[in-house]
Amino acid sequence: MLIIPVQAVPSQSLQVTLANQNTQINVYQRAFGLFCDVYVSNTLIIGGIICENLNRIVRSAYLGFIGDLAFIDTQGTSDPSYQGLGSRFVLAYLEASDIGG
């Protein structure tokens, strides 16, 4: 598992290499929660996904993403909001071995 640095801002775009995948993760707050989009090599893998505590974001192997992503509440069991990003809420990259795949 790898923690991806996020900041406590309502909208951000992260560029990171995960399992040799050039990955862009857009994280943005909306009225009903925190959402994200995941791109690999400028191709949208999955978009408009609500971010929930300990709920994997990509989930489906057929999308071609190696591993997965999840937000973790380090102080409880709440779903993430932008105000706590980088402190209370961390974004974790789960390697294929972390999820049994």
N, C-alpha and C. Protein backbone atom coordinates (compact mmCIF):
# COMPACT_ATOMS: atom_id res chain seq x y z
N MET A 1 0.85 -1.18 0.00
CA MET A 1 0.00 0.00 0.00
C MET A 1 0.90 1.24 0.00
N LEU A 2 0.47 2.22 -0.76
CA LEU A 2 1.20 3.48 -0.88
C LEU A 2 0.23 4.63 -0.62
N ILE A 3 0.63 5.58 0.20
CA ILE A 3 -0.21 6.76 0.45
C ILE A 3 0.13 7.83 -0.58
N ILE A 4 -0.89 8.31 -1.29
CA ILE A 4 -0.74 9.35 -2.30
C ILE A 4 -1.04 10.69 -1.64
N PRO A 5 -0.11 11.63 -1.68
CA PRO A 5 -0.34 12.92 -1.02
C PRO A 5 -1.50 13.70 -1.66
N VAL A 6 -2.43 14.12 -0.81
CA VAL A 6 -3.54 14.97 -1.23
C VAL A 6 -3.56 16.18 -0.30
N GLN A 7 -4.18 17.26 -0.78
CA GLN A 7 -4.25 18.49 0.00
C GLN A 7 -5.69 18.84 0.33
N ALA A 8 -5.87 19.60 1.39
CA ALA A 8 -7.21 20.00 1.84
C ALA A 8 -7.73 21.16 1.01
N VAL A 9 -7.98 20.90 -0.27
CA VAL A 9 -8.57 21.87 -1.19
C VAL A 9 -9.76 21.21 -1.88
N PRO A 10 -10.76 21.97 -2.32
CA PRO A 10 -11.97 21.37 -2.88
C PRO A 10 -11.81 20.71 -4.24
N SER A 11 -10.72 21.00 -4.95
CA SER A 11 -10.52 20.39 -6.26
C SER A 11 -9.02 20.30 -6.54
N GLN A 12 -8.57 19.12 -6.97
CA GLN A 12 -7.15 18.95 -7.28
C GLN A 12 -6.96 17.85 -8.29
N SER A 13 -5.84 17.92 -8.99
CA SER A 13 -5.46 16.93 -9.98
C SER A 13 -4.08 16.41 -9.60
N LEU A 14 -3.97 15.11 -9.45
CA LEU A 14 -2.73 14.48 -9.01
C LEU A 14 -2.14 13.66 -10.15
N GLN A 15 -0.84 13.78 -10.34
CA GLN A 15 -0.11 13.00 -11.34
C GLN A 15 0.82 12.07 -10.59
N VAL A 16 0.68 10.77 -10.80
CA VAL A 16 1.49 9.81 -10.07
C VAL A 16 1.68 8.56 -10.92
N THR A 17 2.82 7.90 -10.76
CA THR A 17 3.06 6.63 -11.45
C THR A 17 2.77 5.51 -10.47
N LEU A 18 1.83 4.65 -10.84
CA LEU A 18 1.42 3.54 -9.99
C LEU A 18 1.54 2.25 -10.79
N ALA A 19 2.38 1.33 -10.35
CA ALA A 19 2.61 0.06 -11.06
C ALA A 19 2.93 0.33 -12.53
N ASN A 20 3.83 1.27 -12.77
CA ASN A 20 4.24 1.67 -14.12
C ASN A 20 3.11 2.23 -14.97
N GLN A 21 2.05 2.72 -14.32
CA GLN A 21 0.93 3.35 -15.02
C GLN A 21 1.01 4.85 -14.77
N ASN A 22 1.07 5.65 -15.83
CA ASN A 22 1.03 7.10 -15.70
C ASN A 22 -0.41 7.48 -15.36
N THR A 23 -0.64 7.81 -14.10
CA THR A 23 -2.00 7.97 -13.59
C THR A 23 -2.28 9.42 -13.21
N GLN A 24 -3.45 9.88 -13.60
CA GLN A 24 -3.96 11.19 -13.16
C GLN A 24 -5.22 10.92 -12.36
N ILE A 25 -5.29 11.50 -11.17
CA ILE A 25 -6.45 11.36 -10.31
C ILE A 25 -7.00 12.75 -10.04
N ASN A 26 -8.22 12.99 -10.46
CA ASN A 26 -8.90 14.25 -10.17
C ASN A 26 -9.80 14.01 -8.96
N VAL A 27 -9.64 14.81 -7.92
CA VAL A 27 -10.44 14.71 -6.71
C VAL A 27 -11.17 16.03 -6.53
N TYR A 28 -12.49 15.97 -6.35
CA TYR A 28 -13.27 17.20 -6.27
C TYR A 28 -14.49 17.03 -5.37
N GLN A 29 -14.77 18.09 -4.62
CA GLN A 29 -15.91 18.11 -3.71
C GLN A 29 -17.15 18.61 -4.44
N ARG A 30 -18.26 17.93 -4.23
CA ARG A 30 -19.57 18.36 -4.72
C ARG A 30 -20.50 18.46 -3.52
N ALA A 31 -21.71 18.90 -3.73
CA ALA A 31 -22.66 19.09 -2.63
C ALA A 31 -22.93 17.80 -1.87
N PHE A 32 -22.86 16.66 -2.55
CA PHE A 32 -23.23 15.39 -1.92
C PHE A 32 -22.05 14.47 -1.69
N GLY A 33 -20.84 15.02 -1.62
CA GLY A 33 -19.69 14.19 -1.30
C GLY A 33 -18.47 14.52 -2.12
N LEU A 34 -17.43 13.75 -1.87
CA LEU A 34 -16.16 13.86 -2.58
C LEU A 34 -16.17 12.85 -3.72
N PHE A 35 -15.74 13.28 -4.90
CA PHE A 35 -15.76 12.42 -6.08
C PHE A 35 -14.37 12.38 -6.71
N CYS A 36 -14.15 11.40 -7.59
CA CYS A 36 -12.87 11.35 -8.29
C CYS A 36 -13.01 10.73 -9.68
N ASP A 37 -12.04 11.05 -10.51
CA ASP A 37 -11.87 10.47 -11.84
C ASP A 37 -10.46 9.88 -11.87
N VAL A 38 -10.31 8.76 -12.58
CA VAL A 38 -9.00 8.13 -12.71
C VAL A 38 -8.68 7.96 -14.19
N TYR A 39 -7.53 8.50 -14.60
CA TYR A 39 -7.04 8.38 -15.97
C TYR A 39 -5.72 7.62 -15.96
N VAL A 40 -5.50 6.80 -16.97
CA VAL A 40 -4.20 6.16 -17.18
C VAL A 40 -3.76 6.51 -18.59
N SER A 41 -2.57 7.10 -18.70
CA SER A 41 -2.04 7.55 -19.99
C SER A 41 -3.07 8.39 -20.75
N ASN A 42 -3.68 9.34 -20.04
CA ASN A 42 -4.67 10.27 -20.59
C ASN A 42 -5.97 9.63 -21.05
N THR A 43 -6.22 8.38 -20.67
CA THR A 43 -7.47 7.70 -21.00
C THR A 43 -8.28 7.53 -19.72
N LEU A 44 -9.53 7.98 -19.75
CA LEU A 44 -10.39 7.85 -18.58
C LEU A 44 -10.67 6.38 -18.31
N ILE A 45 -10.32 5.94 -17.10
CA ILE A 45 -10.60 4.56 -16.69
C ILE A 45 -11.95 4.50 -15.99
N ILE A 46 -12.17 5.46 -15.09
CA ILE A 46 -13.44 5.52 -14.38
C ILE A 46 -13.64 6.96 -13.90
N GLY A 47 -14.85 7.48 -14.01
CA GLY A 47 -15.09 8.87 -13.67
C GLY A 47 -16.35 9.09 -12.87
N GLY A 48 -16.35 10.19 -12.12
CA GLY A 48 -17.52 10.56 -11.34
C GLY A 48 -17.85 9.61 -10.22
N ILE A 49 -16.83 8.99 -9.65
CA ILE A 49 -17.04 7.99 -8.60
C ILE A 49 -17.05 8.66 -7.24
N ILE A 50 -18.06 8.37 -6.44
CA ILE A 50 -18.10 8.92 -5.10
C ILE A 50 -17.05 8.21 -4.24
N CYS A 51 -16.37 8.99 -3.43
CA CYS A 51 -15.32 8.46 -2.56
C CYS A 51 -15.91 8.19 -1.19
N GLU A 52 -15.80 6.95 -0.76
CA GLU A 52 -16.31 6.54 0.54
C GLU A 52 -15.19 5.90 1.34
N ASN A 53 -15.30 5.95 2.64
CA ASN A 53 -14.29 5.38 3.51
C ASN A 53 -14.12 3.88 3.25
N LEU A 54 -12.90 3.47 2.98
CA LEU A 54 -12.51 2.07 2.78
C LEU A 54 -13.21 1.37 1.62
N ASN A 55 -13.84 2.13 0.74
CA ASN A 55 -14.51 1.54 -0.43
C ASN A 55 -13.59 1.72 -1.64
N ARG A 56 -13.20 0.62 -2.27
CA ARG A 56 -12.31 0.71 -3.42
C ARG A 56 -12.97 1.53 -4.53
N ILE A 57 -12.15 2.28 -5.24
CA ILE A 57 -12.64 3.22 -6.25
C ILE A 57 -12.80 2.57 -7.62
N VAL A 58 -11.81 1.82 -8.07
CA VAL A 58 -11.86 1.24 -9.42
C VAL A 58 -12.65 -0.08 -9.40
N ARG A 59 -12.29 -0.99 -8.56
CA ARG A 59 -12.96 -2.26 -8.29
C ARG A 59 -12.99 -3.29 -9.40
N SER A 60 -13.14 -2.92 -10.63
CA SER A 60 -13.35 -3.88 -11.71
C SER A 60 -12.09 -4.10 -12.54
N ALA A 61 -11.59 -5.33 -12.55
CA ALA A 61 -10.36 -5.66 -13.26
C ALA A 61 -10.48 -5.40 -14.77
N TYR A 62 -11.67 -5.55 -15.33
CA TYR A 62 -11.83 -5.37 -16.77
C TYR A 62 -11.50 -3.95 -17.23
N LEU A 63 -11.47 -3.00 -16.31
CA LEU A 63 -11.12 -1.62 -16.66
C LEU A 63 -9.64 -1.48 -16.98
N GLY A 64 -8.85 -2.48 -16.62
CA GLY A 64 -7.44 -2.50 -16.99
C GLY A 64 -6.51 -1.76 -16.04
N PHE A 65 -6.99 -1.30 -14.91
CA PHE A 65 -6.15 -0.61 -13.94
C PHE A 65 -5.51 -1.64 -13.02
N ILE A 66 -4.20 -1.55 -12.87
CA ILE A 66 -3.48 -2.48 -12.00
C ILE A 66 -3.55 -1.94 -10.58
N GLY A 67 -4.13 -2.71 -9.66
CA GLY A 67 -4.30 -2.27 -8.29
C GLY A 67 -5.62 -1.55 -8.11
N ASP A 68 -5.71 -0.74 -7.06
CA ASP A 68 -6.93 0.03 -6.80
C ASP A 68 -6.59 1.21 -5.90
N LEU A 69 -7.58 2.03 -5.65
CA LEU A 69 -7.44 3.22 -4.82
C LEU A 69 -8.56 3.21 -3.78
N ALA A 70 -8.28 3.78 -2.61
CA ALA A 70 -9.31 3.91 -1.59
C ALA A 70 -8.94 5.04 -0.64
N PHE A 71 -9.95 5.72 -0.14
CA PHE A 71 -9.74 6.71 0.91
C PHE A 71 -9.89 6.01 2.26
N ILE A 72 -9.07 6.45 3.21
CA ILE A 72 -9.09 5.87 4.55
C ILE A 72 -9.26 7.00 5.56
N ASP A 73 -10.25 6.83 6.44
CA ASP A 73 -10.44 7.77 7.55
C ASP A 73 -9.53 7.31 8.68
N THR A 74 -8.52 8.10 9.00
CA THR A 74 -7.55 7.72 10.02
C THR A 74 -8.05 7.99 11.44
N GLN A 75 -9.24 8.60 11.56
CA GLN A 75 -9.76 8.94 12.89
C GLN A 75 -11.15 8.37 13.15
N GLY A 76 -11.63 7.51 12.28
CA GLY A 76 -12.97 6.97 12.47
C GLY A 76 -13.45 6.24 11.23
N THR A 77 -14.75 6.42 10.93
CA THR A 77 -15.35 5.69 9.81
C THR A 77 -16.17 6.61 8.90
N SER A 78 -15.84 7.89 8.87
CA SER A 78 -16.59 8.84 8.03
C SER A 78 -16.10 8.81 6.59
N ASP A 79 -16.99 9.15 5.68
CA ASP A 79 -16.60 9.32 4.29
C ASP A 79 -15.80 10.62 4.16
N PRO A 80 -14.87 10.67 3.22
CA PRO A 80 -13.98 11.84 3.14
C PRO A 80 -14.69 13.11 2.66
N SER A 81 -14.18 14.23 3.14
CA SER A 81 -14.54 15.54 2.63
C SER A 81 -13.23 16.30 2.46
N TYR A 82 -13.24 17.28 1.59
CA TYR A 82 -11.97 17.93 1.23
C TYR A 82 -11.27 18.58 2.42
N GLN A 83 -12.03 19.04 3.42
CA GLN A 83 -11.41 19.74 4.54
C GLN A 83 -10.40 18.88 5.31
N GLY A 84 -10.58 17.57 5.30
CA GLY A 84 -9.68 16.69 6.04
C GLY A 84 -8.68 15.94 5.17
N LEU A 85 -8.65 16.25 3.87
CA LEU A 85 -7.72 15.54 2.99
C LEU A 85 -6.28 15.79 3.41
N GLY A 86 -5.50 14.74 3.39
CA GLY A 86 -4.09 14.84 3.72
C GLY A 86 -3.80 14.72 5.20
N SER A 87 -4.82 14.82 6.02
CA SER A 87 -4.62 14.65 7.46
C SER A 87 -5.55 13.53 7.94
N ARG A 88 -6.81 13.84 8.14
CA ARG A 88 -7.74 12.79 8.57
C ARG A 88 -8.00 11.77 7.47
N PHE A 89 -8.18 12.24 6.25
CA PHE A 89 -8.49 11.35 5.13
C PHE A 89 -7.28 11.22 4.22
N VAL A 90 -6.81 10.00 4.04
CA VAL A 90 -5.67 9.76 3.16
C VAL A 90 -6.13 8.91 1.97
N LEU A 91 -5.45 9.11 0.84
CA LEU A 91 -5.72 8.34 -0.37
C LEU A 91 -4.65 7.27 -0.49
N ALA A 92 -5.09 6.02 -0.53
CA ALA A 92 -4.16 4.90 -0.59
C ALA A 92 -4.24 4.21 -1.94
N TYR A 93 -3.07 3.88 -2.48
CA TYR A 93 -2.99 3.02 -3.66
C TYR A 93 -2.79 1.61 -3.14
N LEU A 94 -3.66 0.71 -3.51
CA LEU A 94 -3.58 -0.68 -3.13
C LEU A 94 -2.96 -1.46 -4.28
N GLU A 95 -1.82 -2.05 -4.04
CA GLU A 95 -1.16 -2.84 -5.07
C GLU A 95 -1.98 -4.09 -5.33
N ALA A 96 -1.77 -4.71 -6.47
CA ALA A 96 -2.51 -5.92 -6.82
C ALA A 96 -2.41 -6.96 -5.71
N SER A 97 -1.23 -7.08 -5.09
CA SER A 97 -1.05 -8.06 -4.01
C SER A 97 -1.86 -7.70 -2.76
N ASP A 98 -2.18 -6.42 -2.57
CA ASP A 98 -2.98 -5.99 -1.42
C ASP A 98 -4.44 -6.40 -1.56
N ILE A 99 -4.89 -6.57 -2.81
CA ILE A 99 -6.31 -6.89 -3.04
C ILE A 99 -6.50 -8.30 -3.57
N GLY A 100 -5.45 -9.08 -3.55
CA GLY A 100 -5.55 -10.46 -3.97
C GLY A 100 -5.61 -10.66 -5.47
N GLY A 101 -5.08 -9.70 -6.22
CA GLY A 101 -5.12 -9.86 -7.67
C GLY A 101 -3.82 -9.58 -8.32
